[in-house]
Amino acid sequence: MKRALSVFVVLLGVTVLLLPFFVQDPRFSDFSHGVGPDGEPGAPSALHWLGTDRLFRDELARLVHAGRHSLAIGVGAGMLATAIGTLVGIGSGFLEGAALDVPWPRGQVDRRLRLHPDDLVVFLLDVVQSFPFLLLVLAAAAVFQRIDDLVTVGVLAGTSWLAVARIVRAKTIQLRQLDFVHAARALGRSNVGIAAHHILPNVTGVLTASASLLASQMIVAESVLAYLGLGASPDVPSWGRMLSEGQDTMFTAPWLFVLP
């Protein structure tokens, strides 16, 4: 079952990446054959299998190019979020139980404040994860006046690495107690070397699953941003923007609302 699902996902990804090369330009307006008899968007026909939109652009071409755009955003944001979460999770896991003595201001040099970095990271994760994910995405997106693809990837990754960090932290704490880590430490390996050569290879399975789930979540989140007008520019096809535009013609041209 898992193999069949993996094959399906790979085939779907390859199809989304290659199909745009076999359809027409999604920005081309066909005023000759894409206009309905009453001047409305053209219905599905032999030339335009899924009809045309309000600017008489081929709906199939826009759907296909929007899929490639959403896939690129989702994979990019998922990979970046996984990288951030991995770094934070491994660092926090190694610092579990450690304490830093921070001196008090001048005049009170005999007093020190003991901080536990791992506890601070866990507290941050608890606080941020208490907010709904889409609320965090919308709040972060509202900070920027102009949102392009890079900003979208940054916003999505910056609000979605928390779950990965928590999983990797727990796995790192577990691996720290194993004999091969103690042996590496006895041989003089640094924490960075242990993390790179012993911890990271043992969390790749978890990271692969997390990255796959994150990519699908990022695609949905990108569509929500585009639906609300916070995504890419209007000339870039996006499923969310197409759905938003199709609301106005839900009854006169339902294919513009149903298909995205």
Foldseek 3Di string as FASTA:
>chain_A
DVVVVVVVVVVVLVCLVPVLVVDDDQLDADPPPQADPVRAGAPADPNQNHTAHRSRGRPVNLVSLQSNLLLVLLLLLLVLLLVVLLVLQLVLLVLVPPWDWAADDPPPRVDTDIDRVNVVLVVVLVVLVVDDLLVQLVVQLVVDPAAASVNLSVSLSVRPSSVSSVVLNVQNNVQCPDDVNVVCVVVPDDSVRCCVPPSVVVCVVVSVVSSVVSSVVSSVSQLVCLLVVSYHDPSRRHNNVQLNSCVVCCPVSVSSNPVD
